[in-house]
Amino acid sequence: MKRAIRREELRQIVPLADSTVYDLEQRGDFPRRFYLTPRTPAWDFDEVQEWLKKRKDAGTTLQEAKHRPDVKQRKTRPVRSLRVVG
């Protein structure tokens, strides 16, 4: 039997922000949602569990998970905020 989960349960299973889930879906890196009604998105529970298993099996280290831009490729220096004294 297939099981559909709604947003609240998805948040408990996958602790990511809604915007992050949406971005991952758009890139094809997360199971796509489907709609039970025009305003009720749902995800296939088995697909979400498989996605989690793949992430775990990939063994992503903390260093790999953090994507930091190469500062040597900057064209300008970042603007420093001015300190207000007073």
PDB file of N, CA and C in Angstrom:
ATOM      1  N   MET A   1       0.827  -1.172   0.000  1.00  0.00           N
ATOM      2  CA  MET A   1       0.000   0.000   0.000  1.00  0.00           C
ATOM      3  C   MET A   1       0.882   1.251   0.000  1.00  0.00           C
ATOM      4  N   LYS A   2       0.612   2.171  -0.896  1.00  0.00           N
ATOM      5  CA  LYS A   2       1.357   3.423  -0.970  1.00  0.00           C
ATOM      6  C   LYS A   2       0.869   4.360   0.113  1.00  0.00           C
ATOM      7  N   ARG A   3       1.793   5.154   0.634  1.00  0.00           N
ATOM      8  CA  ARG A   3       1.435   6.094   1.684  1.00  0.00           C
ATOM      9  C   ARG A   3       1.888   7.485   1.273  1.00  0.00           C
ATOM     10  N   ALA A   4       0.991   8.447   1.369  1.00  0.00           N
ATOM     11  CA  ALA A   4       1.311   9.838   1.078  1.00  0.00           C
ATOM     12  C   ALA A   4       1.470  10.585   2.393  1.00  0.00           C
ATOM     13  N   ILE A   5       2.438  11.489   2.436  1.00  0.00           N
ATOM     14  CA  ILE A   5       2.642  12.304   3.628  1.00  0.00           C
ATOM     15  C   ILE A   5       2.462  13.766   3.257  1.00  0.00           C
ATOM     16  N   ARG A   6       1.926  14.512   4.192  1.00  0.00           N
ATOM     17  CA  ARG A   6       1.724  15.939   3.975  1.00  0.00           C
ATOM     18  C   ARG A   6       2.902  16.710   4.546  1.00  0.00           C
ATOM     19  N   ARG A   7       2.879  18.004   4.348  1.00  0.00           N
ATOM     20  CA  ARG A   7       4.007  18.871   4.701  1.00  0.00           C
ATOM     21  C   ARG A   7       4.436  18.744   6.168  1.00  0.00           C
ATOM     22  N   GLU A   8       3.478  18.681   7.080  1.00  0.00           N
ATOM     23  CA  GLU A   8       3.822  18.606   8.513  1.00  0.00           C
ATOM     24  C   GLU A   8       4.650  17.360   8.817  1.00  0.00           C
ATOM     25  N   GLU A   9       4.247  16.225   8.254  1.00  0.00           N
ATOM     26  CA  GLU A   9       4.991  14.988   8.500  1.00  0.00           C
ATOM     27  C   GLU A   9       6.332  15.011   7.768  1.00  0.00           C
ATOM     28  N   LEU A  10       6.354  15.609   6.587  1.00  0.00           N
ATOM     29  CA  LEU A  10       7.623  15.729   5.849  1.00  0.00           C
ATOM     30  C   LEU A  10       8.639  16.512   6.665  1.00  0.00           C
ATOM     31  N   ARG A  11       8.195  17.594   7.313  1.00  0.00           N
ATOM     32  CA  ARG A  11       9.105  18.404   8.143  1.00  0.00           C
ATOM     33  C   ARG A  11       9.682  17.600   9.299  1.00  0.00           C
ATOM     34  N   GLN A  12       8.912  16.662   9.836  1.00  0.00           N
ATOM     35  CA  GLN A  12       9.409  15.832  10.930  1.00  0.00           C
ATOM     36  C   GLN A  12      10.425  14.806  10.433  1.00  0.00           C
ATOM     37  N   ILE A  13      10.223  14.307   9.224  1.00  0.00           N
ATOM     38  CA  ILE A  13      11.113  13.298   8.662  1.00  0.00           C
ATOM     39  C   ILE A  13      12.376  13.932   8.094  1.00  0.00           C
ATOM     40  N   VAL A  14      12.193  15.026   7.358  1.00  0.00           N
ATOM     41  CA  VAL A  14      13.310  15.719   6.703  1.00  0.00           C
ATOM     42  C   VAL A  14      13.343  17.139   7.261  1.00  0.00           C
ATOM     43  N   PRO A  15      14.240  17.425   8.191  1.00  0.00           N
ATOM     44  CA  PRO A  15      14.248  18.743   8.833  1.00  0.00           C
ATOM     45  C   PRO A  15      14.889  19.825   7.958  1.00  0.00           C
ATOM     46  N   LEU A  16      14.227  20.119   6.832  1.00  0.00           N
ATOM     47  CA  LEU A  16      14.680  21.163   5.928  1.00  0.00           C
ATOM     48  C   LEU A  16      13.580  22.198   5.780  1.00  0.00           C
ATOM     49  N   ALA A  17      13.968  23.421   5.479  1.00  0.00           N
ATOM     50  CA  ALA A  17      12.991  24.484   5.248  1.00  0.00           C
ATOM     51  C   ALA A  17      12.194  24.189   3.983  1.00  0.00           C
ATOM     52  N   ASP A  18      10.990  24.725   3.932  1.00  0.00           N
ATOM     53  CA  ASP A  18      10.141  24.536   2.752  1.00  0.00           C
ATOM     54  C   ASP A  18      10.836  25.024   1.489  1.00  0.00           C
ATOM     55  N   SER A  19      11.527  26.161   1.591  1.00  0.00           N
ATOM     56  CA  SER A  19      12.213  26.710   0.415  1.00  0.00           C
ATOM     57  C   SER A  19      13.342  25.790  -0.047  1.00  0.00           C
ATOM     58  N   THR A  20      14.023  25.136   0.880  1.00  0.00           N
ATOM     59  CA  THR A  20      15.089  24.207   0.519  1.00  0.00           C
ATOM     60  C   THR A  20      14.516  22.985  -0.176  1.00  0.00           C
ATOM     61  N   VAL A  21      13.419  22.457   0.350  1.00  0.00           N
ATOM     62  CA  VAL A  21      12.760  21.311  -0.280  1.00  0.00           C
ATOM     63  C   VAL A  21      12.326  21.691  -1.692  1.00  0.00           C
ATOM     64  N   TYR A  22      11.747  22.872  -1.844  1.00  0.00           N
ATOM     65  CA  TYR A  22      11.293  23.331  -3.156  1.00  0.00           C
ATOM     66  C   TYR A  22      12.474  23.433  -4.133  1.00  0.00           C
ATOM     67  N   ASP A  23      13.573  24.035  -3.685  1.00  0.00           N
ATOM     68  CA  ASP A  23      14.760  24.156  -4.541  1.00  0.00           C
ATOM     69  C   ASP A  23      15.298  22.794  -4.949  1.00  0.00           C
ATOM     70  N   LEU A  24      15.356  21.863  -3.998  1.00  0.00           N
ATOM     71  CA  LEU A  24      15.827  20.509  -4.312  1.00  0.00           C
ATOM     72  C   LEU A  24      14.903  19.827  -5.314  1.00  0.00           C
ATOM     73  N   GLU A  25      13.601  20.021  -5.163  1.00  0.00           N
ATOM     74  CA  GLU A  25      12.635  19.451  -6.113  1.00  0.00           C
ATOM     75  C   GLU A  25      12.859  20.017  -7.516  1.00  0.00           C
ATOM     76  N   GLN A  26      13.053  21.327  -7.596  1.00  0.00           N
ATOM     77  CA  GLN A  26      13.233  21.970  -8.899  1.00  0.00           C
ATOM     78  C   GLN A  26      14.490  21.477  -9.605  1.00  0.00           C
ATOM     79  N   ARG A  27      15.522  21.153  -8.833  1.00  0.00           N
ATOM     80  CA  ARG A  27      16.766  20.627  -9.413  1.00  0.00           C
ATOM     81  C   ARG A  27      16.692  19.135  -9.689  1.00  0.00           C
ATOM     82  N   GLY A  28      15.628  18.489  -9.237  1.00  0.00           N
ATOM     83  CA  GLY A  28      15.493  17.052  -9.418  1.00  0.00           C
ATOM     84  C   GLY A  28      16.246  16.243  -8.380  1.00  0.00           C
ATOM     85  N   ASP A  29      16.603  16.876  -7.256  1.00  0.00           N
ATOM     86  CA  ASP A  29      17.364  16.220  -6.203  1.00  0.00           C
ATOM     87  C   ASP A  29      16.516  15.791  -5.010  1.00  0.00           C
ATOM     88  N   PHE A  30      15.202  15.866  -5.143  1.00  0.00           N
ATOM     89  CA  PHE A  30      14.300  15.478  -4.064  1.00  0.00           C
ATOM     90  C   PHE A  30      13.022  14.953  -4.711  1.00  0.00           C
ATOM     91  N   PRO A  31      12.338  14.007  -4.075  1.00  0.00           N
ATOM     92  CA  PRO A  31      11.086  13.493  -4.656  1.00  0.00           C
ATOM     93  C   PRO A  31      10.090  14.623  -4.921  1.00  0.00           C
ATOM     94  N   ARG A  32       9.431  14.553  -6.065  1.00  0.00           N
ATOM     95  CA  ARG A  32       8.475  15.585  -6.451  1.00  0.00           C
ATOM     96  C   ARG A  32       7.180  15.448  -5.657  1.00  0.00           C
ATOM     97  N   ARG A  33       6.625  16.594  -5.313  1.00  0.00           N
ATOM     98  CA  ARG A  33       5.324  16.606  -4.641  1.00  0.00           C
ATOM     99  C   ARG A  33       4.219  16.377  -5.663  1.00  0.00           C
ATOM    100  N   PHE A  34       3.097  15.955  -5.175  1.00  0.00           N
ATOM    101  CA  PHE A  34       1.893  15.877  -5.997  1.00  0.00           C
ATOM    102  C   PHE A  34       0.779  16.469  -5.151  1.00  0.00           C
ATOM    103  N   TYR A  35      -0.332  16.773  -5.762  1.00  0.00           N
ATOM    104  CA  TYR A  35      -1.388  17.481  -5.048  1.00  0.00           C
ATOM    105  C   TYR A  35      -2.614  16.598  -4.841  1.00  0.00           C
ATOM    106  N   LEU A  36      -3.034  16.512  -3.571  1.00  0.00           N
ATOM    107  CA  LEU A  36      -4.247  15.790  -3.226  1.00  0.00           C
ATOM    108  C   LEU A  36      -5.472  16.639  -3.570  1.00  0.00           C
ATOM    109  N   THR A  37      -5.353  17.932  -3.347  1.00  0.00           N
ATOM    110  CA  THR A  37      -6.339  18.929  -3.757  1.00  0.00           C
ATOM    111  C   THR A  37      -5.521  20.096  -4.314  1.00  0.00           C
ATOM    112  N   PRO A  38      -6.149  21.102  -4.887  1.00  0.00           N
ATOM    113  CA  PRO A  38      -5.370  22.211  -5.436  1.00  0.00           C
ATOM    114  C   PRO A  38      -4.445  22.905  -4.434  1.00  0.00           C
ATOM    115  N   ARG A  39      -4.728  22.801  -3.140  1.00  0.00           N
ATOM    116  CA  ARG A  39      -3.896  23.467  -2.135  1.00  0.00           C
ATOM    117  C   ARG A  39      -3.258  22.514  -1.132  1.00  0.00           C
ATOM    118  N   THR A  40      -3.249  21.227  -1.417  1.00  0.00           N
ATOM    119  CA  THR A  40      -2.711  20.250  -0.471  1.00  0.00           C
ATOM    120  C   THR A  40      -1.619  19.403  -1.118  1.00  0.00           C
ATOM    121  N   PRO A  41      -0.348  19.848  -0.975  1.00  0.00           N
ATOM    122  CA  PRO A  41       0.734  19.039  -1.526  1.00  0.00           C
ATOM    123  C   PRO A  41       1.011  17.819  -0.655  1.00  0.00           C
ATOM    124  N   ALA A  42       1.518  16.769  -1.285  1.00  0.00           N
ATOM    125  CA  ALA A  42       1.885  15.540  -0.567  1.00  0.00           C
ATOM    126  C   ALA A  42       3.089  14.925  -1.268  1.00  0.00           C
ATOM    127  N   TRP A  43       3.791  14.069  -0.540  1.00  0.00           N
ATOM    128  CA  TRP A  43       4.954  13.368  -1.076  1.00  0.00           C
ATOM    129  C   TRP A  43       4.765  11.882  -0.833  1.00  0.00           C
ATOM    130  N   ASP A  44       5.338  11.074  -1.680  1.00  0.00           N
ATOM    131  CA  ASP A  44       5.298   9.627  -1.519  1.00  0.00           C
ATOM    132  C   ASP A  44       6.280   9.254  -0.407  1.00  0.00           C
ATOM    133  N   PHE A  45       5.776   8.633   0.636  1.00  0.00           N
ATOM    134  CA  PHE A  45       6.589   8.278   1.797  1.00  0.00           C
ATOM    135  C   PHE A  45       7.774   7.397   1.406  1.00  0.00           C
ATOM    136  N   ASP A  46       7.545   6.402   0.559  1.00  0.00           N
ATOM    137  CA  ASP A  46       8.623   5.496   0.148  1.00  0.00           C
ATOM    138  C   ASP A  46       9.721   6.234  -0.616  1.00  0.00           C
ATOM    139  N   GLU A  47       9.340   7.204  -1.460  1.00  0.00           N
ATOM    140  CA  GLU A  47      10.332   7.980  -2.204  1.00  0.00           C
ATOM    141  C   GLU A  47      11.171   8.844  -1.272  1.00  0.00           C
ATOM    142  N   VAL A  48      10.536   9.428  -0.261  1.00  0.00           N
ATOM    143  CA  VAL A  48      11.259  10.250   0.708  1.00  0.00           C
ATOM    144  C   VAL A  48      12.222   9.375   1.511  1.00  0.00           C
ATOM    145  N   GLN A  49      11.770   8.196   1.940  1.00  0.00           N
ATOM    146  CA  GLN A  49      12.642   7.278   2.682  1.00  0.00           C
ATOM    147  C   GLN A  49      13.828   6.841   1.825  1.00  0.00           C
ATOM    148  N   GLU A  50      13.600   6.581   0.554  1.00  0.00           N
ATOM    149  CA  GLU A  50      14.674   6.193  -0.362  1.00  0.00           C
ATOM    150  C   GLU A  50      15.669   7.341  -0.534  1.00  0.00           C
ATOM    151  N   TRP A  51      15.166   8.571  -0.630  1.00  0.00           N
ATOM    152  CA  TRP A  51      16.035   9.743  -0.740  1.00  0.00           C
ATOM    153  C   TRP A  51      16.930   9.856   0.499  1.00  0.00           C
ATOM    154  N   LEU A  52      16.338   9.676   1.688  1.00  0.00           N
ATOM    155  CA  LEU A  52      17.122   9.721   2.924  1.00  0.00           C
ATOM    156  C   LEU A  52      18.181   8.627   2.950  1.00  0.00           C
ATOM    157  N   LYS A  53      17.828   7.427   2.516  1.00  0.00           N
ATOM    158  CA  LYS A  53      18.776   6.310   2.489  1.00  0.00           C
ATOM    159  C   LYS A  53      19.942   6.624   1.550  1.00  0.00           C
ATOM    160  N   LYS A  54      19.648   7.186   0.387  1.00  0.00           N
ATOM    161  CA  LYS A  54      20.712   7.545  -0.553  1.00  0.00           C
ATOM    162  C   LYS A  54      21.631   8.607   0.029  1.00  0.00           C
ATOM    163  N   ARG A  55      21.048   9.589   0.720  1.00  0.00           N
ATOM    164  CA  ARG A  55      21.866  10.635   1.346  1.00  0.00           C
ATOM    165  C   ARG A  55      22.780  10.025   2.415  1.00  0.00           C
ATOM    166  N   LYS A  56      22.238   9.113   3.193  1.00  0.00           N
ATOM    167  CA  LYS A  56      23.016   8.470   4.241  1.00  0.00           C
ATOM    168  C   LYS A  56      24.120   7.606   3.643  1.00  0.00           C
ATOM    169  N   ASP A  57      23.774   6.825   2.601  1.00  0.00           N
ATOM    170  CA  ASP A  57      24.755   5.950   1.962  1.00  0.00           C
ATOM    171  C   ASP A  57      25.860   6.724   1.259  1.00  0.00           C
ATOM    172  N   ALA A  58      25.536   7.946   0.807  1.00  0.00           N
ATOM    173  CA  ALA A  58      26.543   8.762   0.129  1.00  0.00           C
ATOM    174  C   ALA A  58      27.633   9.176   1.103  1.00  0.00           C
ATOM    175  N   GLY A  59      27.301   9.216   2.390  1.00  0.00           N
ATOM    176  CA  GLY A  59      28.305   9.525   3.404  1.00  0.00           C
ATOM    177  C   GLY A  59      28.871  10.920   3.277  1.00  0.00           C
ATOM    178  N   THR A  60      28.027  11.883   2.964  1.00  0.00           N
ATOM    179  CA  THR A  60      28.482  13.248   2.811  1.00  0.00           C
ATOM    180  C   THR A  60      29.078  13.741   4.120  1.00  0.00           C
ATOM    181  N   THR A  61      30.315  14.197   4.057  1.00  0.00           N
ATOM    182  CA  THR A  61      30.959  14.740   5.248  1.00  0.00           C
ATOM    183  C   THR A  61      30.513  16.178   5.442  1.00  0.00           C
ATOM    184  N   LEU A  62      30.764  16.692   6.614  1.00  0.00           N
ATOM    185  CA  LEU A  62      30.386  18.063   6.918  1.00  0.00           C
ATOM    186  C   LEU A  62      31.081  19.027   5.968  1.00  0.00           C
ATOM    187  N   GLN A  63      32.340  18.765   5.666  1.00  0.00           N
ATOM    188  CA  GLN A  63      33.087  19.649   4.772  1.00  0.00           C
ATOM    189  C   GLN A  63      32.486  19.638   3.372  1.00  0.00           C
ATOM    190  N   GLU A  64      32.043  18.482   2.892  1.00  0.00           N
ATOM    191  CA  GLU A  64      31.433  18.399   1.564  1.00  0.00           C
ATOM    192  C   GLU A  64      30.068  19.062   1.560  1.00  0.00           C
ATOM    193  N   ALA A  65      29.373  19.020   2.682  1.00  0.00           N
ATOM    194  CA  ALA A  65      28.038  19.588   2.755  1.00  0.00           C
ATOM    195  C   ALA A  65      28.071  21.106   2.707  1.00  0.00           C
ATOM    196  N   LYS A  66      29.140  21.702   3.216  1.00  0.00           N
ATOM    197  CA  LYS A  66      29.258  23.151   3.205  1.00  0.00           C
ATOM    198  C   LYS A  66      29.836  23.590   1.869  1.00  0.00           C
ATOM    199  N   HIS A  67      29.036  24.308   1.133  1.00  0.00           N
ATOM    200  CA  HIS A  67      29.515  24.818  -0.143  1.00  0.00           C
ATOM    201  C   HIS A  67      29.946  26.257   0.072  1.00  0.00           C
ATOM    202  N   ARG A  68      31.233  26.479  -0.028  1.00  0.00           N
ATOM    203  CA  ARG A  68      31.736  27.827   0.152  1.00  0.00           C
ATOM    204  C   ARG A  68      32.330  28.311  -1.161  1.00  0.00           C
ATOM    205  N   PRO A  69      32.006  29.542  -1.539  1.00  0.00           N
ATOM    206  CA  PRO A  69      32.560  30.062  -2.782  1.00  0.00           C
ATOM    207  C   PRO A  69      34.064  30.280  -2.668  1.00  0.00           C
ATOM    208  N   ASP A  70      34.728  30.176  -3.788  1.00  0.00           N
ATOM    209  CA  ASP A  70      36.168  30.404  -3.831  1.00  0.00           C
ATOM    210  C   ASP A  70      36.411  31.912  -3.790  1.00  0.00           C
ATOM    211  N   VAL A  71      36.955  32.401  -2.675  1.00  0.00           N
ATOM    212  CA  VAL A  71      37.138  33.839  -2.507  1.00  0.00           C
ATOM    213  C   VAL A  71      38.167  34.402  -3.491  1.00  0.00           C
ATOM    214  N   LYS A  72      39.003  33.569  -4.037  1.00  0.00           N
ATOM    215  CA  LYS A  72      40.002  34.039  -4.994  1.00  0.00           C
ATOM    216  C   LYS A  72      39.372  34.425  -6.326  1.00  0.00           C
ATOM    217  N   GLN A  73      38.142  33.992  -6.562  1.00  0.00           N
ATOM    218  CA  GLN A  73      37.468  34.324  -7.810  1.00  0.00           C
ATOM    219  C   GLN A  73      36.637  35.607  -7.708  1.00  0.00           C
ATOM    220  N   ARG A  74      36.651  36.259  -6.559  1.00  0.00           N
ATOM    221  CA  ARG A  74      35.906  37.504  -6.393  1.00  0.00           C
ATOM    222  C   ARG A  74      36.509  38.598  -7.264  1.00  0.00           C
ATOM    223  N   LYS A  75      35.649  39.430  -7.809  1.00  0.00           N
ATOM    224  CA  LYS A  75      36.123  40.553  -8.621  1.00  0.00           C
ATOM    225  C   LYS A  75      36.313  41.798  -7.781  1.00  0.00           C
ATOM    226  N   THR A  76      35.593  41.884  -6.665  1.00  0.00           N
ATOM    227  CA  THR A  76      35.737  43.007  -5.744  1.00  0.00           C
ATOM    228  C   THR A  76      35.783  42.467  -4.325  1.00  0.00           C
ATOM    229  N   ARG A  77      36.298  43.285  -3.440  1.00  0.00           N
ATOM    230  CA  ARG A  77      36.317  42.903  -2.028  1.00  0.00           C
ATOM    231  C   ARG A  77      34.946  43.140  -1.426  1.00  0.00           C
ATOM    232  N   PRO A  78      34.559  42.347  -0.449  1.00  0.00           N
ATOM    233  CA  PRO A  78      33.262  42.577   0.186  1.00  0.00           C
ATOM    234  C   PRO A  78      33.257  43.910   0.932  1.00  0.00           C
ATOM    235  N   VAL A  79      32.107  44.543   0.973  1.00  0.00           N
ATOM    236  CA  VAL A  79      31.965  45.820   1.660  1.00  0.00           C
ATOM    237  C   VAL A  79      31.874  45.550   3.155  1.00  0.00           C
ATOM    238  N   ARG A  80      32.677  46.275   3.908  1.00  0.00           N
ATOM    239  CA  ARG A  80      32.618  46.123   5.360  1.00  0.00           C
ATOM    240  C   ARG A  80      31.589  47.084   5.928  1.00  0.00           C
ATOM    241  N   SER A  81      30.873  46.627   6.918  1.00  0.00           N
ATOM    242  CA  SER A  81      29.870  47.504   7.532  1.00  0.00           C
ATOM    243  C   SER A  81      30.573  48.548   8.382  1.00  0.00           C
ATOM    244  N   LEU A  82      30.009  49.738   8.404  1.00  0.00           N
ATOM    245  CA  LEU A  82      30.579  50.839   9.185  1.00  0.00           C
ATOM    246  C   LEU A  82      30.116  50.734  10.628  1.00  0.00           C
ATOM    247  N   ARG A  83      31.068  50.929  11.505  1.00  0.00           N
ATOM    248  CA  ARG A  83      30.715  50.904  12.934  1.00  0.00           C
ATOM    249  C   ARG A  83      30.266  52.300  13.360  1.00  0.00           C
ATOM    250  N   VAL A  84      29.139  52.336  14.001  1.00  0.00           N
ATOM    251  CA  VAL A  84      28.616  53.623  14.482  1.00  0.00           C
ATOM    252  C   VAL A  84      29.040  53.759  15.931  1.00  0.00           C
ATOM    253  N   VAL A  85      29.764  54.843  16.211  1.00  0.00           N
ATOM    254  CA  VAL A  85      30.227  55.105  17.573  1.00  0.00           C
ATOM    255  C   VAL A  85      29.369  56.206  18.142  1.00  0.00           C
ATOM    256  N   GLY A  86      28.880  55.992  19.327  1.00  0.00           N
ATOM    257  CA  GLY A  86      28.095  57.088  19.868  1.00  0.00           C
ATOM    258  C   GLY A  86      27.218  56.711  20.913  1.00  0.00           C
TER     259      GLY A  86
END
